[in-house]
């Protein structure tokens, strides 16, 4: 049986704060790419974000959330949806 005592889920408030920050960025600074409200299930990959917007998102995450997107983050597992990105940020924070 695995030891789950060392696993600590991020507080819901922290998850919501990260999600809300990313949501605000995507809804306000992506030039109308997201015509529907951004949710955790909103796709990021194949969402028609241009390279400039991805660069701006990277800078936003660094400035606002102290999170550096790295090359290995640009895979479906970590960047496929808003929720995957939120999970990646929280996981990396927990590993720090």
PDB file of N, CA and C in Angstrom:
ATOM      1  N   UNK A   1       0.846  -1.181   0.000  1.00  0.00           N
ATOM      2  CA  UNK A   1       0.000   0.000   0.000  1.00  0.00           C
ATOM      3  C   UNK A   1       0.891   1.244   0.000  1.00  0.00           C
ATOM      4  N   UNK A   2       0.590   2.200  -0.838  1.00  0.00           N
ATOM      5  CA  UNK A   2       1.391   3.420  -0.953  1.00  0.00           C
ATOM      6  C   UNK A   2       1.167   4.319   0.245  1.00  0.00           C
ATOM      7  N   UNK A   3       2.205   5.018   0.606  1.00  0.00           N
ATOM      8  CA  UNK A   3       2.109   5.959   1.713  1.00  0.00           C
ATOM      9  C   UNK A   3       1.544   7.267   1.184  1.00  0.00           C
ATOM     10  N   UNK A   4       0.304   7.581   1.509  1.00  0.00           N
ATOM     11  CA  UNK A   4      -0.331   8.812   1.049  1.00  0.00           C
ATOM     12  C   UNK A   4      -0.205   9.929   2.065  1.00  0.00           C
ATOM     13  N   UNK A   5       0.413   9.649   3.190  1.00  0.00           N
ATOM     14  CA  UNK A   5       0.541  10.672   4.228  1.00  0.00           C
ATOM     15  C   UNK A   5       1.420  11.827   3.764  1.00  0.00           C
ATOM     16  N   UNK A   6       2.378  11.561   2.859  1.00  0.00           N
ATOM     17  CA  UNK A   6       3.262  12.625   2.418  1.00  0.00           C
ATOM     18  C   UNK A   6       2.645  13.476   1.308  1.00  0.00           C
ATOM     19  N   UNK A   7       1.584  12.986   0.670  1.00  0.00           N
ATOM     20  CA  UNK A   7       0.931  13.759  -0.379  1.00  0.00           C
ATOM     21  C   UNK A   7       0.031  14.800   0.256  1.00  0.00           C
ATOM     22  N   UNK A   8       0.187  16.018  -0.208  1.00  0.00           N
ATOM     23  CA  UNK A   8      -0.618  17.109   0.331  1.00  0.00           C
ATOM     24  C   UNK A   8      -1.281  17.827  -0.843  1.00  0.00           C
ATOM     25  N   UNK A   9      -2.588  17.721  -0.931  1.00  0.00           N
ATOM     26  CA  UNK A   9      -3.320  18.389  -2.010  1.00  0.00           C
ATOM     27  C   UNK A   9      -3.273  19.894  -1.793  1.00  0.00           C
ATOM     28  N   UNK A  10      -3.157  20.657  -2.887  1.00  0.00           N
ATOM     29  CA  UNK A  10      -3.151  22.113  -2.718  1.00  0.00           C
ATOM     30  C   UNK A  10      -4.496  22.600  -2.205  1.00  0.00           C
ATOM     31  N   UNK A  11      -4.485  23.622  -1.383  1.00  0.00           N
ATOM     32  CA  UNK A  11      -5.757  24.171  -0.898  1.00  0.00           C
ATOM     33  C   UNK A  11      -6.613  24.640  -2.079  1.00  0.00           C
ATOM     34  N   UNK A  12      -7.906  24.447  -1.949  1.00  0.00           N
ATOM     35  CA  UNK A  12      -8.826  24.852  -3.015  1.00  0.00           C
ATOM     36  C   UNK A  12      -8.696  26.343  -3.314  1.00  0.00           C
ATOM     37  N   UNK A  13      -8.438  27.132  -2.306  1.00  0.00           N
ATOM     38  CA  UNK A  13      -8.299  28.581  -2.512  1.00  0.00           C
ATOM     39  C   UNK A  13      -7.097  28.894  -3.393  1.00  0.00           C
ATOM     40  N   UNK A  14      -6.004  28.162  -3.208  1.00  0.00           N
ATOM     41  CA  UNK A  14      -4.815  28.385  -4.032  1.00  0.00           C
ATOM     42  C   UNK A  14      -5.094  27.974  -5.478  1.00  0.00           C
ATOM     43  N   UNK A  15      -5.756  26.842  -5.651  1.00  0.00           N
ATOM     44  CA  UNK A  15      -6.102  26.389  -6.997  1.00  0.00           C
ATOM     45  C   UNK A  15      -7.007  27.413  -7.679  1.00  0.00           C
ATOM     46  N   UNK A  16      -7.993  27.914  -6.960  1.00  0.00           N
ATOM     47  CA  UNK A  16      -8.910  28.893  -7.545  1.00  0.00           C
ATOM     48  C   UNK A  16      -8.193  30.194  -7.874  1.00  0.00           C
ATOM     49  N   UNK A  17      -7.273  30.624  -7.034  1.00  0.00           N
ATOM     50  CA  UNK A  17      -6.539  31.869  -7.291  1.00  0.00           C
ATOM     51  C   UNK A  17      -5.697  31.755  -8.558  1.00  0.00           C
ATOM     52  N   UNK A  18      -5.031  30.620  -8.741  1.00  0.00           N
ATOM     53  CA  UNK A  18      -4.233  30.400  -9.946  1.00  0.00           C
ATOM     54  C   UNK A  18      -5.146  30.361 -11.163  1.00  0.00           C
ATOM     55  N   UNK A  19      -6.244  29.621 -11.065  1.00  0.00           N
ATOM     56  CA  UNK A  19      -7.193  29.534 -12.178  1.00  0.00           C
ATOM     57  C   UNK A  19      -7.749  30.906 -12.539  1.00  0.00           C
ATOM     58  N   UNK A  20      -8.164  31.677 -11.551  1.00  0.00           N
ATOM     59  CA  UNK A  20      -8.756  32.988 -11.824  1.00  0.00           C
ATOM     60  C   UNK A  20      -7.754  33.928 -12.499  1.00  0.00           C
ATOM     61  N   UNK A  21      -6.495  33.870 -12.091  1.00  0.00           N
ATOM     62  CA  UNK A  21      -5.468  34.711 -12.714  1.00  0.00           C
ATOM     63  C   UNK A  21      -5.291  34.345 -14.183  1.00  0.00           C
ATOM     64  N   UNK A  22      -5.190  33.054 -14.472  1.00  0.00           N
ATOM     65  CA  UNK A  22      -5.030  32.598 -15.856  1.00  0.00           C
ATOM     66  C   UNK A  22      -6.279  32.927 -16.662  1.00  0.00           C
ATOM     67  N   UNK A  23      -7.436  32.730 -16.069  1.00  0.00           N
ATOM     68  CA  UNK A  23      -8.698  33.035 -16.751  1.00  0.00           C
ATOM     69  C   UNK A  23      -8.758  34.508 -17.146  1.00  0.00           C
ATOM     70  N   UNK A  24      -8.415  35.394 -16.221  1.00  0.00           N
ATOM     71  CA  UNK A  24      -8.431  36.835 -16.532  1.00  0.00           C
ATOM     72  C   UNK A  24      -7.500  37.150 -17.699  1.00  0.00           C
ATOM     73  N   UNK A  25      -6.304  36.578 -17.658  1.00  0.00           N
ATOM     74  CA  UNK A  25      -5.364  36.818 -18.752  1.00  0.00           C
ATOM     75  C   UNK A  25      -5.958  36.352 -20.077  1.00  0.00           C
ATOM     76  N   UNK A  26      -6.453  35.138 -20.121  1.00  0.00           N
ATOM     77  CA  UNK A  26      -6.947  34.574 -21.380  1.00  0.00           C
ATOM     78  C   UNK A  26      -8.175  35.314 -21.905  1.00  0.00           C
ATOM     79  N   UNK A  27      -9.046  35.726 -21.024  1.00  0.00           N
ATOM     80  CA  UNK A  27     -10.263  36.410 -21.468  1.00  0.00           C
ATOM     81  C   UNK A  27     -10.004  37.858 -21.862  1.00  0.00           C
ATOM     82  N   UNK A  28      -8.978  38.472 -21.295  1.00  0.00           N
ATOM     83  CA  UNK A  28      -8.754  39.895 -21.530  1.00  0.00           C
ATOM     84  C   UNK A  28      -7.602  40.213 -22.476  1.00  0.00           C
ATOM     85  N   UNK A  29      -6.700  39.265 -22.699  1.00  0.00           N
ATOM     86  CA  UNK A  29      -5.485  39.627 -23.427  1.00  0.00           C
ATOM     87  C   UNK A  29      -5.158  38.693 -24.588  1.00  0.00           C
ATOM     88  N   UNK A  30      -6.146  37.987 -25.093  1.00  0.00           N
ATOM     89  CA  UNK A  30      -5.860  37.054 -26.187  1.00  0.00           C
ATOM     90  C   UNK A  30      -6.582  37.426 -27.471  1.00  0.00           C
ATOM     91  N   UNK A  31      -7.060  38.635 -27.571  1.00  0.00           N
ATOM     92  CA  UNK A  31      -7.647  39.100 -28.818  1.00  0.00           C
ATOM     93  C   UNK A  31      -8.863  38.332 -29.289  1.00  0.00           C
ATOM     94  N   UNK A  32      -9.689  37.877 -28.375  1.00  0.00           N
ATOM     95  CA  UNK A  32     -10.928  37.205 -28.753  1.00  0.00           C
ATOM     96  C   UNK A  32     -10.787  35.752 -29.147  1.00  0.00           C
ATOM     97  N   UNK A  33      -9.629  35.128 -28.878  1.00  0.00           N
ATOM     98  CA  UNK A  33      -9.450  33.709 -29.186  1.00  0.00           C
ATOM     99  C   UNK A  33     -10.471  32.873 -28.420  1.00  0.00           C
ATOM    100  N   UNK A  34     -10.732  33.266 -27.184  1.00  0.00           N
ATOM    101  CA  UNK A  34     -11.666  32.527 -26.332  1.00  0.00           C
ATOM    102  C   UNK A  34     -12.998  33.277 -26.325  1.00  0.00           C
ATOM    103  N   UNK A  35     -13.933  32.796 -27.115  1.00  0.00           N
ATOM    104  CA  UNK A  35     -15.223  33.469 -27.221  1.00  0.00           C
ATOM    105  C   UNK A  35     -16.191  33.030 -26.135  1.00  0.00           C
ATOM    106  N   UNK A  36     -15.914  31.908 -25.511  1.00  0.00           N
ATOM    107  CA  UNK A  36     -16.727  31.404 -24.397  1.00  0.00           C
ATOM    108  C   UNK A  36     -15.965  31.655 -23.099  1.00  0.00           C
ATOM    109  N   UNK A  37     -16.665  31.682 -21.969  1.00  0.00           N
ATOM    110  CA  UNK A  37     -15.961  31.837 -20.690  1.00  0.00           C
ATOM    111  C   UNK A  37     -14.907  30.734 -20.523  1.00  0.00           C
ATOM    112  N   UNK A  38     -13.756  31.111 -20.014  1.00  0.00           N
ATOM    113  CA  UNK A  38     -12.667  30.163 -19.797  1.00  0.00           C
ATOM    114  C   UNK A  38     -12.989  29.320 -18.570  1.00  0.00           C
ATOM    115  N   UNK A  39     -12.857  28.013 -18.739  1.00  0.00           N
ATOM    116  CA  UNK A  39     -13.084  27.032 -17.667  1.00  0.00           C
ATOM    117  C   UNK A  39     -11.824  26.186 -17.518  1.00  0.00           C
ATOM    118  N   UNK A  40     -11.777  25.345 -16.501  1.00  0.00           N
ATOM    119  CA  UNK A  40     -10.644  24.440 -16.340  1.00  0.00           C
ATOM    120  C   UNK A  40     -10.493  23.520 -17.548  1.00  0.00           C
ATOM    121  N   UNK A  41     -11.590  23.186 -18.194  1.00  0.00           N
ATOM    122  CA  UNK A  41     -11.563  22.277 -19.345  1.00  0.00           C
ATOM    123  C   UNK A  41     -11.266  22.978 -20.668  1.00  0.00           C
ATOM    124  N   UNK A  42     -11.100  24.291 -20.665  1.00  0.00           N
ATOM    125  CA  UNK A  42     -10.820  25.039 -21.888  1.00  0.00           C
ATOM    126  C   UNK A  42      -9.474  24.616 -22.467  1.00  0.00           C
ATOM    127  N   UNK A  43      -9.453  24.206 -23.740  1.00  0.00           N
ATOM    128  CA  UNK A  43      -8.186  23.796 -24.363  1.00  0.00           C
ATOM    129  C   UNK A  43      -7.227  24.969 -24.532  1.00  0.00           C
ATOM    130  N   UNK A  44      -5.955  24.696 -24.311  1.00  0.00           N
ATOM    131  CA  UNK A  44      -4.904  25.660 -24.617  1.00  0.00           C
ATOM    132  C   UNK A  44      -4.187  25.248 -25.899  1.00  0.00           C
ATOM    133  N   UNK A  45      -3.820  23.969 -25.968  1.00  0.00           N
ATOM    134  CA  UNK A  45      -3.211  23.478 -27.202  1.00  0.00           C
ATOM    135  C   UNK A  45      -4.305  23.467 -28.266  1.00  0.00           C
ATOM    136  N   UNK A  46      -3.945  23.809 -29.456  1.00  0.00           N
ATOM    137  CA  UNK A  46      -4.892  23.859 -30.576  1.00  0.00           C
ATOM    138  C   UNK A  46      -5.993  24.891 -30.371  1.00  0.00           C
ATOM    139  N   UNK A  47      -5.718  25.919 -29.587  1.00  0.00           N
ATOM    140  CA  UNK A  47      -6.719  26.958 -29.345  1.00  0.00           C
ATOM    141  C   UNK A  47      -6.467  28.200 -30.196  1.00  0.00           C
ATOM    142  N   UNK A  48      -5.532  28.123 -31.095  1.00  0.00           N
ATOM    143  CA  UNK A  48      -5.190  29.223 -31.998  1.00  0.00           C
ATOM    144  C   UNK A  48      -4.497  30.377 -31.294  1.00  0.00           C
ATOM    145  N   UNK A  49      -3.844  30.098 -30.155  1.00  0.00           N
ATOM    146  CA  UNK A  49      -3.005  31.121 -29.537  1.00  0.00           C
ATOM    147  C   UNK A  49      -1.788  31.309 -30.434  1.00  0.00           C
ATOM    148  N   UNK A  50      -1.486  32.551 -30.769  1.00  0.00           N
ATOM    149  CA  UNK A  50      -0.304  32.783 -31.595  1.00  0.00           C
ATOM    150  C   UNK A  50       0.937  32.836 -30.707  1.00  0.00           C
ATOM    151  N   UNK A  51       2.104  32.836 -31.327  1.00  0.00           N
ATOM    152  CA  UNK A  51       3.355  32.770 -30.574  1.00  0.00           C
ATOM    153  C   UNK A  51       3.556  33.993 -29.677  1.00  0.00           C
ATOM    154  N   UNK A  52       3.114  35.159 -30.122  1.00  0.00           N
ATOM    155  CA  UNK A  52       3.228  36.358 -29.287  1.00  0.00           C
ATOM    156  C   UNK A  52       2.377  36.226 -28.028  1.00  0.00           C
ATOM    157  N   UNK A  53       1.181  35.695 -28.161  1.00  0.00           N
ATOM    158  CA  UNK A  53       0.300  35.522 -27.005  1.00  0.00           C
ATOM    159  C   UNK A  53       0.867  34.492 -26.048  1.00  0.00           C
ATOM    160  N   UNK A  54       1.446  33.415 -26.570  1.00  0.00           N
ATOM    161  CA  UNK A  54       2.071  32.412 -25.701  1.00  0.00           C
ATOM    162  C   UNK A  54       3.237  33.049 -24.951  1.00  0.00           C
ATOM    163  N   UNK A  55       4.026  33.866 -25.624  1.00  0.00           N
ATOM    164  CA  UNK A  55       5.117  34.578 -24.965  1.00  0.00           C
ATOM    165  C   UNK A  55       4.579  35.508 -23.878  1.00  0.00           C
ATOM    166  N   UNK A  56       3.494  36.229 -24.167  1.00  0.00           N
ATOM    167  CA  UNK A  56       2.881  37.102 -23.168  1.00  0.00           C
ATOM    168  C   UNK A  56       2.348  36.297 -21.987  1.00  0.00           C
ATOM    169  N   UNK A  57       1.764  35.126 -22.258  1.00  0.00           N
ATOM    170  CA  UNK A  57       1.292  34.246 -21.190  1.00  0.00           C
ATOM    171  C   UNK A  57       2.472  33.802 -20.327  1.00  0.00           C
ATOM    172  N   UNK A  58       3.574  33.447 -20.955  1.00  0.00           N
ATOM    173  CA  UNK A  58       4.762  33.039 -20.205  1.00  0.00           C
ATOM    174  C   UNK A  58       5.239  34.166 -19.280  1.00  0.00           C
ATOM    175  N   UNK A  59       5.260  35.385 -19.804  1.00  0.00           N
ATOM    176  CA  UNK A  59       5.683  36.535 -19.001  1.00  0.00           C
ATOM    177  C   UNK A  59       4.688  36.798 -17.871  1.00  0.00           C
ATOM    178  N   UNK A  60       3.398  36.682 -18.161  1.00  0.00           N
ATOM    179  CA  UNK A  60       2.367  36.869 -17.145  1.00  0.00           C
ATOM    180  C   UNK A  60       2.535  35.850 -16.020  1.00  0.00           C
ATOM    181  N   UNK A  61       2.709  34.582 -16.388  1.00  0.00           N
ATOM    182  CA  UNK A  61       2.868  33.541 -15.373  1.00  0.00           C
ATOM    183  C   UNK A  61       4.096  33.803 -14.509  1.00  0.00           C
ATOM    184  N   UNK A  62       5.165  34.274 -15.125  1.00  0.00           N
ATOM    185  CA  UNK A  62       6.372  34.584 -14.381  1.00  0.00           C
ATOM    186  C   UNK A  62       6.153  35.757 -13.435  1.00  0.00           C
ATOM    187  N   UNK A  63       5.577  36.837 -13.958  1.00  0.00           N
ATOM    188  CA  UNK A  63       5.389  38.057 -13.162  1.00  0.00           C
ATOM    189  C   UNK A  63       4.321  37.900 -12.085  1.00  0.00           C
ATOM    190  N   UNK A  64       3.195  37.334 -12.458  1.00  0.00           N
ATOM    191  CA  UNK A  64       2.045  37.292 -11.548  1.00  0.00           C
ATOM    192  C   UNK A  64       2.020  36.061 -10.634  1.00  0.00           C
ATOM    193  N   UNK A  65       2.516  34.936 -11.138  1.00  0.00           N
ATOM    194  CA  UNK A  65       2.411  33.691 -10.371  1.00  0.00           C
ATOM    195  C   UNK A  65       3.772  33.095 -10.006  1.00  0.00           C
ATOM    196  N   UNK A  66       4.842  33.803 -10.368  1.00  0.00           N
ATOM    197  CA  UNK A  66       6.195  33.326 -10.095  1.00  0.00           C
ATOM    198  C   UNK A  66       6.384  31.888 -10.602  1.00  0.00           C
ATOM    199  N   UNK A  67       5.917  31.641 -11.818  1.00  0.00           N
ATOM    200  CA  UNK A  67       6.022  30.316 -12.439  1.00  0.00           C
ATOM    201  C   UNK A  67       6.678  30.462 -13.802  1.00  0.00           C
ATOM    202  N   UNK A  68       7.750  29.729 -14.011  1.00  0.00           N
ATOM    203  CA  UNK A  68       8.461  29.769 -15.288  1.00  0.00           C
ATOM    204  C   UNK A  68       8.046  28.570 -16.135  1.00  0.00           C
ATOM    205  N   UNK A  69       7.359  28.828 -17.251  1.00  0.00           N
ATOM    206  CA  UNK A  69       7.064  27.762 -18.205  1.00  0.00           C
ATOM    207  C   UNK A  69       8.372  27.330 -18.830  1.00  0.00           C
ATOM    208  N   UNK A  70       8.578  26.020 -18.893  1.00  0.00           N
ATOM    209  CA  UNK A  70       9.779  25.477 -19.500  1.00  0.00           C
ATOM    210  C   UNK A  70       9.397  24.675 -20.728  1.00  0.00           C
ATOM    211  N   UNK A  71      10.373  24.360 -21.531  1.00  0.00           N
ATOM    212  CA  UNK A  71      10.108  23.657 -22.788  1.00  0.00           C
ATOM    213  C   UNK A  71       9.309  22.373 -22.575  1.00  0.00           C
ATOM    214  N   UNK A  72       9.607  21.631 -21.514  1.00  0.00           N
ATOM    215  CA  UNK A  72       8.904  20.369 -21.287  1.00  0.00           C
ATOM    216  C   UNK A  72       7.470  20.560 -20.779  1.00  0.00           C
ATOM    217  N   UNK A  73       7.071  21.794 -20.524  1.00  0.00           N
ATOM    218  CA  UNK A  73       5.686  22.072 -20.123  1.00  0.00           C
ATOM    219  C   UNK A  73       4.741  22.128 -21.321  1.00  0.00           C
ATOM    220  N   UNK A  74       5.284  22.289 -22.517  1.00  0.00           N
ATOM    221  CA  UNK A  74       4.447  22.447 -23.705  1.00  0.00           C
ATOM    222  C   UNK A  74       4.062  21.101 -24.304  1.00  0.00           C
ATOM    223  N   UNK A  75       3.487  20.250 -23.471  1.00  0.00           N
ATOM    224  CA  UNK A  75       2.950  18.958 -23.891  1.00  0.00           C
ATOM    225  C   UNK A  75       1.508  18.875 -23.403  1.00  0.00           C
ATOM    226  N   UNK A  76       0.753  17.999 -24.014  1.00  0.00           N
ATOM    227  CA  UNK A  76      -0.672  17.854 -23.694  1.00  0.00           C
ATOM    228  C   UNK A  76      -0.901  17.683 -22.187  1.00  0.00           C
ATOM    229  N   UNK A  77      -0.055  16.898 -21.551  1.00  0.00           N
ATOM    230  CA  UNK A  77      -0.216  16.607 -20.122  1.00  0.00           C
ATOM    231  C   UNK A  77      -0.180  17.863 -19.259  1.00  0.00           C
ATOM    232  N   UNK A  78       0.609  18.861 -19.645  1.00  0.00           N
ATOM    233  CA  UNK A  78       0.787  20.054 -18.821  1.00  0.00           C
ATOM    234  C   UNK A  78       0.193  21.322 -19.419  1.00  0.00           C
ATOM    235  N   UNK A  79      -0.091  21.319 -20.722  1.00  0.00           N
ATOM    236  CA  UNK A  79      -0.537  22.532 -21.394  1.00  0.00           C
ATOM    237  C   UNK A  79      -1.757  22.274 -22.271  1.00  0.00           C
ATOM    238  N   UNK A  80      -2.358  21.107 -22.122  1.00  0.00           N
ATOM    239  CA  UNK A  80      -3.502  20.759 -22.957  1.00  0.00           C
ATOM    240  C   UNK A  80      -4.744  21.577 -22.658  1.00  0.00           C
ATOM    241  N   UNK A  81      -4.976  21.846 -21.394  1.00  0.00           N
ATOM    242  CA  UNK A  81      -6.135  22.629 -20.960  1.00  0.00           C
ATOM    243  C   UNK A  81      -5.702  23.607 -19.881  1.00  0.00           C
ATOM    244  N   UNK A  82      -6.580  24.527 -19.581  1.00  0.00           N
ATOM    245  CA  UNK A  82      -6.310  25.469 -18.488  1.00  0.00           C
ATOM    246  C   UNK A  82      -6.114  24.686 -17.189  1.00  0.00           C
ATOM    247  N   UNK A  83      -6.945  23.679 -16.963  1.00  0.00           N
ATOM    248  CA  UNK A  83      -6.830  22.870 -15.749  1.00  0.00           C
ATOM    249  C   UNK A  83      -5.502  22.145 -15.646  1.00  0.00           C
ATOM    250  N   UNK A  84      -4.989  21.653 -16.777  1.00  0.00           N
ATOM    251  CA  UNK A  84      -3.685  20.984 -16.787  1.00  0.00           C
ATOM    252  C   UNK A  84      -2.578  21.970 -16.423  1.00  0.00           C
ATOM    253  N   UNK A  85      -2.676  23.194 -16.939  1.00  0.00           N
ATOM    254  CA  UNK A  85      -1.684  24.217 -16.610  1.00  0.00           C
ATOM    255  C   UNK A  85      -1.761  24.590 -15.128  1.00  0.00           C
ATOM    256  N   UNK A  86      -2.969  24.750 -14.615  1.00  0.00           N
ATOM    257  CA  UNK A  86      -3.143  25.045 -13.183  1.00  0.00           C
ATOM    258  C   UNK A  86      -2.517  23.929 -12.354  1.00  0.00           C
ATOM    259  N   UNK A  87      -2.791  22.676 -12.714  1.00  0.00           N
ATOM    260  CA  UNK A  87      -2.237  21.541 -11.976  1.00  0.00           C
ATOM    261  C   UNK A  87      -0.716  21.534 -12.028  1.00  0.00           C
ATOM    262  N   UNK A  88      -0.149  21.862 -13.195  1.00  0.00           N
ATOM    263  CA  UNK A  88       1.307  21.894 -13.341  1.00  0.00           C
ATOM    264  C   UNK A  88       1.911  22.963 -12.432  1.00  0.00           C
ATOM    265  N   UNK A  89       1.302  24.129 -12.401  1.00  0.00           N
ATOM    266  CA  UNK A  89       1.797  25.211 -11.546  1.00  0.00           C
ATOM    267  C   UNK A  89       1.750  24.792 -10.083  1.00  0.00           C
ATOM    268  N   UNK A  90       0.631  24.236  -9.658  1.00  0.00           N
ATOM    269  CA  UNK A  90       0.493  23.828  -8.258  1.00  0.00           C
ATOM    270  C   UNK A  90       1.435  22.697  -7.913  1.00  0.00           C
ATOM    271  N   UNK A  91       1.614  21.755  -8.834  1.00  0.00           N
ATOM    272  CA  UNK A  91       2.534  20.631  -8.580  1.00  0.00           C
ATOM    273  C   UNK A  91       3.961  21.132  -8.444  1.00  0.00           C
ATOM    274  N   UNK A  92       4.362  22.029  -9.315  1.00  0.00           N
ATOM    275  CA  UNK A  92       5.726  22.556  -9.268  1.00  0.00           C
ATOM    276  C   UNK A  92       5.931  23.354  -7.983  1.00  0.00           C
ATOM    277  N   UNK A  93       4.912  24.100  -7.562  1.00  0.00           N
ATOM    278  CA  UNK A  93       5.028  24.834  -6.291  1.00  0.00           C
ATOM    279  C   UNK A  93       5.200  23.879  -5.118  1.00  0.00           C
ATOM    280  N   UNK A  94       4.462  22.765  -5.169  1.00  0.00           N
ATOM    281  CA  UNK A  94       4.554  21.781  -4.094  1.00  0.00           C
ATOM    282  C   UNK A  94       5.899  21.084  -4.054  1.00  0.00           C
ATOM    283  N   UNK A  95       6.554  21.017  -5.212  1.00  0.00           N
ATOM    284  CA  UNK A  95       7.847  20.350  -5.291  1.00  0.00           C
ATOM    285  C   UNK A  95       8.978  21.272  -4.880  1.00  0.00           C
ATOM    286  N   UNK A  96       8.682  22.570  -4.778  1.00  0.00           N
ATOM    287  CA  UNK A  96       9.744  23.541  -4.462  1.00  0.00           C
ATOM    288  C   UNK A  96      10.132  23.486  -3.010  1.00  0.00           C
TER     289      UNK A  96
END
